[in-house]
């Protein structure tokens, strides 16, 4: 008799547990219709009414063990950011952007492919692996979180009126935001590749977002509501913040009228006739065009481009999607694509004379002139601040180097 009582008691407890679990689950998934469209709220990971929250969330198809497989060597003793990157930081950061469609757009395959694509860029640009490294170069993603031995503070005077450099702040490359001089893209390529927030010519990071160094810290900081202009070091101290900056950049168009990497990848971007003529198609290849521009695109099957593609395909395999989902060559690569934003020439040739007029602030005008005469370049920069006078500097330099400046 006592045995029956115990049995019924255990069954009752089990029923209560199951009921509470189901009640908790239903409480986490809220559904309603707004203007005839189904929207959902799934709690912390996809919070807020969004059509994307009605789909799977990232933790539904991407688990801790998969993150560990993708970045298997990141915490080995020879890595440079041991203990910094982890799955929890990535999920915490991505939770803020899942209602916007990050990793939640389309069916399960599309969602998994986007995470593989995003992390493929991350892994390739933070890798310290090389051809004969244990596990191969694809196993060494997230090895870095900042530029090693920076030689500059990377304070660009160009934006002194909009994003002035903070005293003592150093805007060298850190994790997730490009801060250098080399174009309009987001993921910097090069020979060091240690992480995600680049400062220009060191070529070591993941996301490049422009050409103005501290400007990008300020701009990303504004978006994240974090004072990165005065405290750029926050990026290398907080992995969640680093991933936030990277995901924000992935979701943000580099220029008006152009798609974000996210839009280009998931197919919500519709190419124009000019895009089609430039061979820019929705897919992984165009994400490289947006993020790196002519450093990797339009040059055929160059090594830098192939490295990024290799990471993406490797991650597709590890996540169980399969590299065949990467698509044909013209979708997978940007080898034949015309860059969205070609890099500006760094020096005038004998056939190139450059005159640039820019309004850098409402009351600030800068005029830059470069004229080439045979083996010499003549250049002038004139600045004028309304109500505050102006200044100019000019110089002549030989194209082979050297030169002088005079006020």
Protein backbone atom coordinates (compact mmCIF):
# COMPACT_ATOMS: atom_id res chain seq x y z
CA UNK A 1 0.00 0.00 0.00
CA UNK A 2 2.80 2.35 0.93
CA UNK A 3 4.44 1.59 -2.40
CA UNK A 4 1.33 2.68 -4.30
CA UNK A 5 1.17 5.96 -2.37
CA UNK A 6 4.79 6.70 -3.18
CA UNK A 7 4.19 5.86 -6.84
CA UNK A 8 1.18 8.18 -7.05
CA UNK A 9 3.11 10.91 -5.25
CA UNK A 10 5.98 10.66 -7.73
CA UNK A 11 3.56 10.75 -10.67
CA UNK A 12 1.91 13.84 -9.20
CA UNK A 13 5.24 15.62 -8.81
CA UNK A 14 6.18 14.70 -12.38
CA UNK A 15 2.84 16.08 -13.67
CA UNK A 16 3.41 19.37 -11.84
CA UNK A 17 6.93 19.68 -13.25
CA UNK A 18 5.75 19.04 -16.81
CA UNK A 19 2.86 21.47 -16.42
CA UNK A 20 5.13 24.20 -15.08
CA UNK A 21 7.65 23.60 -17.85
CA UNK A 22 4.97 23.90 -20.52
CA UNK A 23 3.53 26.99 -18.88
CA UNK A 24 6.97 28.58 -18.75
CA UNK A 25 7.59 27.71 -22.40
CA UNK A 26 4.31 29.20 -23.54
CA UNK A 27 4.97 32.33 -21.50
CA UNK A 28 8.22 32.87 -23.37
CA UNK A 29 6.66 32.79 -26.83
CA UNK A 30 4.12 35.55 -27.37
CA UNK A 31 2.35 35.91 -30.70
CA UNK A 32 0.09 38.56 -32.16
CA UNK A 33 -0.79 40.13 -35.49
CA UNK A 34 0.12 43.66 -36.48
CA UNK A 35 -1.48 44.91 -39.71
CA UNK A 36 -2.17 41.33 -40.68
CA UNK A 37 1.43 40.21 -40.12
CA UNK A 38 2.39 37.68 -37.46
CA UNK A 39 4.93 39.00 -34.95
CA UNK A 40 6.41 37.31 -31.89
CA UNK A 41 8.33 37.95 -28.69
CA UNK A 42 10.48 35.12 -27.37
CA UNK A 43 11.93 36.76 -24.31
CA UNK A 44 15.56 37.67 -23.75
CA UNK A 45 17.01 36.13 -26.92
CA UNK A 46 14.53 37.66 -29.34
CA UNK A 47 12.80 40.34 -27.30
CA UNK A 48 10.36 42.79 -28.79
CA UNK A 49 7.60 42.29 -31.33
CA UNK A 50 9.23 41.17 -34.55
CA UNK A 51 8.37 38.90 -37.46
CA UNK A 52 11.87 37.42 -37.16
CA UNK A 53 11.20 36.32 -33.57
CA UNK A 54 8.58 33.94 -34.94
CA UNK A 55 11.43 31.94 -36.51
CA UNK A 56 14.07 29.86 -34.78
CA UNK A 57 16.49 31.72 -32.54
CA UNK A 58 20.24 31.16 -32.83
CA UNK A 59 20.43 28.89 -29.77
CA UNK A 60 17.85 26.62 -31.43
CA UNK A 61 20.37 25.55 -34.07
CA UNK A 62 23.81 26.72 -32.91
CA UNK A 63 25.09 25.29 -29.64
CA UNK A 64 28.15 25.67 -27.43
CA UNK A 65 29.85 22.56 -28.80
CA UNK A 66 29.60 23.93 -32.36
CA UNK A 67 31.18 27.23 -31.33
CA UNK A 68 33.99 25.25 -29.69
CA UNK A 69 34.50 23.23 -32.89
CA UNK A 70 34.61 26.34 -35.07
CA UNK A 71 37.20 28.05 -32.87
CA UNK A 72 38.99 25.02 -31.50
CA UNK A 73 42.42 26.61 -31.00
CA UNK A 74 41.45 30.02 -29.64
CA UNK A 75 42.42 29.20 -26.05
CA UNK A 76 45.65 27.33 -26.70
CA UNK A 77 48.71 28.77 -24.91
CA UNK A 78 50.12 30.30 -28.10
CA UNK A 79 46.92 32.22 -28.90
CA UNK A 80 46.87 35.96 -28.17
CA UNK A 81 43.39 36.33 -26.67
CA UNK A 82 43.15 33.30 -24.38
CA UNK A 83 39.96 33.34 -22.34
CA UNK A 84 38.48 36.36 -24.10
CA UNK A 85 36.07 34.94 -26.67
CA UNK A 86 33.26 32.56 -25.72
CA UNK A 87 29.88 31.29 -26.84
CA UNK A 88 27.96 33.16 -24.14
CA UNK A 89 29.37 36.52 -25.26
CA UNK A 90 28.36 35.82 -28.85
CA UNK A 91 24.81 34.78 -27.95
CA UNK A 92 24.37 37.70 -25.54
CA UNK A 93 25.46 40.13 -28.25
CA UNK A 94 23.41 38.48 -30.99
CA UNK A 95 20.26 38.52 -28.84
CA UNK A 96 20.07 42.29 -29.36
CA UNK A 97 20.06 41.88 -33.14
CA UNK A 98 17.96 38.77 -33.67
CA UNK A 99 14.74 40.87 -33.71
CA UNK A 100 16.34 42.71 -36.65
CA UNK A 101 16.88 39.49 -38.58
CA UNK A 102 20.43 38.52 -37.61
CA UNK A 103 20.46 34.73 -37.74
CA UNK A 104 16.64 34.72 -37.76
CA UNK A 105 15.84 35.54 -41.39
CA UNK A 106 14.40 32.85 -43.65
CA UNK A 107 14.27 29.12 -43.03
CA UNK A 108 16.61 27.14 -40.80
CA UNK A 109 19.16 26.58 -43.56
CA UNK A 110 19.34 30.29 -44.40
CA UNK A 111 19.67 31.15 -40.72
CA UNK A 112 22.52 28.69 -40.20
CA UNK A 113 24.25 29.87 -43.36
CA UNK A 114 24.20 33.47 -42.17
CA UNK A 115 25.84 32.56 -38.86
CA UNK A 116 28.44 30.52 -40.75
CA UNK A 117 29.02 33.48 -43.10
CA UNK A 118 29.36 36.03 -40.32
CA UNK A 119 31.66 33.81 -38.28
CA UNK A 120 33.56 32.88 -41.45
CA UNK A 121 34.55 36.52 -41.78
CA UNK A 122 35.30 36.69 -38.06
CA UNK A 123 37.40 33.54 -38.07
CA UNK A 124 39.43 34.40 -41.16
CA UNK A 125 40.29 37.87 -39.88
CA UNK A 126 41.14 36.88 -36.31
CA UNK A 127 43.13 33.78 -37.19
CA UNK A 128 46.75 33.29 -36.22
CA UNK A 129 46.87 30.00 -38.08
CA UNK A 130 49.01 29.23 -41.10
CA UNK A 131 49.32 26.43 -43.60
CA UNK A 132 51.09 23.88 -41.41
CA UNK A 133 49.58 24.92 -38.06
CA UNK A 134 48.05 22.15 -35.98
CA UNK A 135 44.50 21.70 -37.20
CA UNK A 136 45.13 23.97 -40.19
CA UNK A 137 44.52 27.73 -40.45
CA UNK A 138 40.74 27.36 -40.23
CA UNK A 139 40.99 26.07 -36.64
CA UNK A 140 42.66 29.23 -35.30
CA UNK A 141 39.91 31.84 -35.53
CA UNK A 142 39.44 34.27 -32.62
CA UNK A 143 43.13 34.01 -31.81
CA UNK A 144 43.44 37.82 -31.47
CA UNK A 145 41.40 40.64 -29.97
CA UNK A 146 43.65 43.61 -30.65
CA UNK A 147 46.49 44.84 -32.81
CA UNK A 148 49.90 43.69 -31.64
CA UNK A 149 52.60 46.32 -31.08
CA UNK A 150 50.74 49.25 -32.68
CA UNK A 151 53.06 51.92 -34.02
CA UNK A 152 50.51 54.75 -34.05
CA UNK A 153 47.66 56.10 -31.96
CA UNK A 154 45.70 56.51 -35.23
CA UNK A 155 44.22 59.90 -34.40
CA UNK A 156 43.01 61.38 -37.69
CA UNK A 157 42.84 65.17 -37.77
CA UNK A 158 40.26 64.97 -40.53
CA UNK A 159 37.38 64.58 -38.08
CA UNK A 160 38.65 66.85 -35.33
CA UNK A 161 35.41 68.85 -35.35
CA UNK A 162 32.98 65.94 -35.27
CA UNK A 163 34.87 63.19 -33.43
CA UNK A 164 37.89 64.78 -31.74
CA UNK A 165 40.46 62.40 -30.32
CA UNK A 166 40.39 62.03 -26.55
CA UNK A 167 43.62 62.85 -24.69
CA UNK A 168 45.60 59.68 -24.16
CA UNK A 169 43.22 57.49 -26.17
CA UNK A 170 44.72 55.08 -28.67
CA UNK A 171 42.63 54.18 -31.70
CA UNK A 172 44.65 51.21 -32.90
CA UNK A 173 43.03 48.07 -34.19
CA UNK A 174 40.75 46.23 -31.86
CA UNK A 175 37.94 43.74 -32.17
CA UNK A 176 35.20 44.50 -34.65
CA UNK A 177 35.38 48.01 -36.06
CA UNK A 178 37.58 49.27 -38.84
CA UNK A 179 39.35 52.50 -38.03
CA UNK A 180 41.82 52.93 -40.85
CA UNK A 181 42.42 54.85 -44.03
CA UNK A 182 41.88 52.26 -46.65
CA UNK A 183 38.37 52.48 -47.92
CA UNK A 184 34.74 52.12 -47.19
CA UNK A 185 34.54 48.54 -46.13
CA UNK A 186 34.34 46.68 -42.92
CA UNK A 187 36.61 43.68 -42.79
CA UNK A 188 40.27 44.52 -43.12
CA UNK A 189 42.57 42.08 -44.85
CA UNK A 190 46.30 41.73 -44.57
CA UNK A 191 49.33 39.90 -43.27
CA UNK A 192 48.62 40.00 -39.55
CA UNK A 193 44.87 39.44 -39.32
CA UNK A 194 44.64 39.47 -35.59
CA UNK A 195 41.12 40.75 -35.04
CA UNK A 196 38.11 42.73 -35.90
CA UNK A 197 38.58 46.44 -35.39
CA UNK A 198 41.27 47.70 -37.74
CA UNK A 199 43.08 50.96 -37.94
CA UNK A 200 44.26 51.03 -41.49
CA UNK A 201 47.50 49.76 -42.82
CA UNK A 202 48.26 46.94 -40.43
CA UNK A 203 45.81 44.64 -42.16
CA UNK A 204 44.89 42.48 -39.27
CA UNK A 205 41.27 42.64 -38.39
CA UNK A 206 37.73 41.66 -39.07
CA UNK A 207 35.51 44.60 -39.75
CA UNK A 208 36.50 47.71 -41.57
CA UNK A 209 33.99 50.52 -41.56
CA UNK A 210 35.68 53.46 -43.17
CA UNK A 211 38.68 55.68 -43.45
CA UNK A 212 38.80 57.84 -40.40
CA UNK A 213 40.17 55.98 -37.40
CA UNK A 214 38.67 57.60 -34.29
CA UNK A 215 35.61 58.50 -36.35
CA UNK A 216 34.57 54.87 -36.44
CA UNK A 217 35.02 54.42 -32.71
CA UNK A 218 32.79 57.44 -32.24
CA UNK A 219 30.25 56.30 -34.81
CA UNK A 220 29.99 52.73 -33.51
CA UNK A 221 29.95 54.05 -29.94
CA UNK A 222 26.99 56.28 -30.79
CA UNK A 223 25.12 53.30 -32.23
CA UNK A 224 25.87 51.07 -29.23
CA UNK A 225 25.42 53.92 -26.72
CA UNK A 226 28.91 53.31 -25.36
CA UNK A 227 31.57 56.03 -25.12
CA UNK A 228 34.13 54.38 -27.39
CA UNK A 229 35.52 57.71 -28.55
CA UNK A 230 36.89 58.46 -25.09
CA UNK A 231 37.35 54.83 -24.11
CA UNK A 232 38.30 52.75 -27.17
CA UNK A 233 39.87 50.22 -24.81
CA UNK A 234 36.39 49.00 -23.83
CA UNK A 235 36.31 46.99 -27.06
CA UNK A 236 39.27 44.80 -26.09
CA UNK A 237 38.00 44.36 -22.53
CA UNK A 238 34.50 43.07 -23.25
CA UNK A 239 33.85 40.25 -25.71
CA UNK A 240 30.10 40.89 -25.76
CA UNK A 241 30.70 44.51 -26.75
CA UNK A 242 33.19 43.38 -29.38
CA UNK A 243 30.65 41.02 -30.94
CA UNK A 244 27.97 43.73 -30.73
CA UNK A 245 30.15 46.09 -32.74
CA UNK A 246 30.78 43.40 -35.34
CA UNK A 247 27.13 42.42 -35.69
CA UNK A 248 26.04 46.06 -35.87
CA UNK A 249 28.48 46.60 -38.72
CA UNK A 250 27.28 43.44 -40.49
CA UNK A 251 23.72 44.79 -40.38
CA UNK A 252 24.55 48.38 -41.38
CA UNK A 253 24.97 49.57 -45.01
CA UNK A 254 28.33 51.22 -45.60
CA UNK A 255 26.80 53.90 -47.80
CA UNK A 256 23.32 55.12 -48.64
CA UNK A 257 21.79 53.18 -51.50
CA UNK A 258 23.98 50.13 -50.88
CA UNK A 259 23.03 46.93 -49.06
CA UNK A 260 24.37 45.77 -45.74
CA UNK A 261 26.30 42.51 -45.67
CA UNK A 262 23.25 40.94 -43.99
CA UNK A 263 20.88 42.11 -46.74
CA UNK A 264 23.22 40.96 -49.48
CA UNK A 265 23.60 37.54 -47.91
CA UNK A 266 20.03 36.62 -46.98
CA UNK A 267 18.62 37.91 -50.27
CA UNK A 268 16.47 40.82 -49.12
CA UNK A 269 18.63 43.08 -51.31
CA UNK A 270 17.52 43.28 -54.93
CA UNK A 271 20.40 44.12 -57.32
CA UNK A 272 19.92 47.01 -59.72
CA UNK A 273 20.79 46.82 -63.40
CA UNK A 274 24.18 48.38 -62.60
CA UNK A 275 24.76 45.76 -59.90
CA UNK A 276 23.99 42.99 -62.36
CA UNK A 277 26.37 44.46 -64.92
CA UNK A 278 29.00 44.66 -62.17
CA UNK A 279 28.34 40.95 -61.43
CA UNK A 280 27.21 41.74 -57.88
CA UNK A 281 24.70 39.07 -56.84
CA UNK A 282 23.07 38.18 -53.51
CA UNK A 283 25.35 35.78 -51.67
CA UNK A 284 28.58 35.43 -49.75
CA UNK A 285 30.70 36.98 -52.48
CA UNK A 286 28.93 40.32 -52.22
CA UNK A 287 29.45 40.40 -48.44
CA UNK A 288 33.19 40.46 -49.17
CA UNK A 289 32.64 43.24 -51.69
CA UNK A 290 30.81 45.31 -49.07
CA UNK A 291 33.28 44.58 -46.29
CA UNK A 292 36.63 44.61 -48.10
CA UNK A 293 36.05 46.20 -51.48
CA UNK A 294 38.82 46.16 -54.03
CA UNK A 295 41.34 44.69 -51.65
CA UNK A 296 39.93 41.25 -52.36
CA UNK A 297 37.29 41.71 -55.06
CA UNK A 298 37.60 42.05 -58.81
CA UNK A 299 41.08 40.52 -58.80
CA UNK A 300 40.32 36.92 -59.66
CA UNK A 301 40.86 34.08 -57.21
CA UNK A 302 43.41 35.81 -54.98
CA UNK A 303 44.63 34.24 -51.74
CA UNK A 304 43.06 36.81 -49.39
CA UNK A 305 39.62 36.21 -50.86
CA UNK A 306 40.07 32.45 -50.93
CA UNK A 307 41.04 32.44 -47.24
CA UNK A 308 37.71 34.00 -46.28
CA UNK A 309 35.77 31.63 -48.54
CA UNK A 310 37.63 28.63 -47.10
CA UNK A 311 36.62 29.56 -43.56
CA UNK A 312 32.99 29.99 -44.58
CA UNK A 313 32.85 26.59 -46.30
CA UNK A 314 34.64 24.92 -43.39
CA UNK A 315 32.11 26.37 -40.95
CA UNK A 316 29.20 25.24 -43.13
CA UNK A 317 30.56 21.71 -42.86
CA UNK A 318 31.08 21.89 -39.09
CA UNK A 319 27.57 23.25 -38.54
CA UNK A 320 26.07 20.38 -40.51
CA UNK A 321 24.85 22.50 -43.41
CA UNK A 322 27.43 21.34 -45.93
CA UNK A 323 29.69 23.37 -48.20
CA UNK A 324 27.54 22.59 -51.23
CA UNK A 325 25.11 25.17 -49.81
CA UNK A 326 27.73 27.85 -50.45
CA UNK A 327 26.51 28.16 -54.02
CA UNK A 328 28.28 28.45 -57.38
CA UNK A 329 31.54 30.34 -57.83
CA UNK A 330 29.90 33.59 -58.96
CA UNK A 331 27.75 33.66 -55.79
CA UNK A 332 30.38 32.33 -53.39
CA UNK A 333 33.21 34.67 -54.44
CA UNK A 334 33.69 38.25 -55.60
CA UNK A 335 36.53 37.37 -57.96
CA UNK A 336 34.85 39.00 -60.96
CA UNK A 337 32.75 41.61 -59.16
CA UNK A 338 33.27 45.32 -59.59
CA UNK A 339 33.80 46.83 -56.10
CA UNK A 340 31.01 48.96 -54.64
CA UNK A 341 33.44 51.57 -53.31
CA UNK A 342 36.85 51.54 -55.02
CA UNK A 343 39.72 52.83 -52.91
CA UNK A 344 40.77 56.39 -53.59
CA UNK A 345 44.21 56.81 -55.22
CA UNK A 346 46.88 57.39 -52.62
CA UNK A 347 49.18 59.38 -54.91
CA UNK A 348 48.71 61.42 -58.06
CA UNK A 349 50.51 60.19 -61.14
CA UNK A 350 51.76 62.34 -64.00
CA UNK A 351 48.36 61.98 -65.63
CA UNK A 352 46.29 62.56 -62.48
CA UNK A 353 45.58 65.92 -60.88
CA UNK A 354 43.35 65.86 -57.83
CA UNK A 355 41.24 68.63 -56.36
CA UNK A 356 39.01 67.83 -53.41
CA UNK A 357 36.61 70.11 -51.61
CA UNK A 358 34.94 68.75 -48.48
CA UNK A 359 32.59 70.14 -45.86
CA UNK A 360 33.72 68.32 -42.74
CA UNK A 361 31.51 70.24 -40.33
CA UNK A 362 28.79 72.87 -40.74
CA UNK A 363 31.28 75.72 -40.40
CA UNK A 364 34.43 74.01 -41.61
CA UNK A 365 35.69 73.82 -45.19
CA UNK A 366 38.75 71.97 -46.42
CA UNK A 367 40.18 72.14 -49.93
CA UNK A 368 42.90 69.72 -50.98
CA UNK A 369 44.75 70.14 -54.27
CA UNK A 370 47.37 67.85 -55.78
CA UNK A 371 48.92 68.54 -59.16
CA UNK A 372 51.70 66.48 -60.74
CA UNK A 373 54.45 68.04 -62.84
CA UNK A 374 56.76 65.41 -64.29
CA UNK A 375 58.73 63.98 -61.36
CA UNK A 376 57.31 66.38 -58.77
CA UNK A 377 53.99 66.63 -56.94
CA UNK A 378 52.62 69.98 -55.79
CA UNK A 379 50.05 69.77 -53.03
CA UNK A 380 48.11 72.28 -50.96
CA UNK A 381 45.64 71.95 -48.13
CA UNK A 382 43.56 74.96 -47.15
CA UNK A 383 41.29 75.02 -44.12
CA UNK A 384 38.70 77.64 -43.26
CA UNK A 385 36.58 77.88 -40.14
CA UNK A 386 33.71 80.34 -40.32
CA UNK A 387 34.32 83.17 -37.88
CA UNK A 388 37.69 81.77 -36.92
CA UNK A 389 39.96 82.45 -39.86
CA UNK A 390 41.86 79.83 -41.77
CA UNK A 391 45.21 78.21 -42.45
CA UNK A 392 46.98 76.56 -45.34
CA UNK A 393 49.96 74.33 -45.99
CA UNK A 394 51.64 73.59 -49.30
CA UNK A 395 54.57 71.54 -50.42
CA UNK A 396 56.48 70.04 -53.31
CA UNK A 397 57.79 66.51 -53.27
CA UNK A 398 59.62 64.30 -55.71
CA UNK A 399 57.64 61.26 -56.73
CA UNK A 400 60.51 59.12 -55.59
CA UNK A 401 60.23 60.45 -52.03
CA UNK A 402 61.48 63.38 -50.00
CA UNK A 403 60.22 66.92 -50.25
CA UNK A 404 59.51 69.92 -48.12
CA UNK A 405 56.59 71.86 -46.74
CA UNK A 406 56.18 75.56 -46.40
CA UNK A 407 53.33 77.52 -44.85
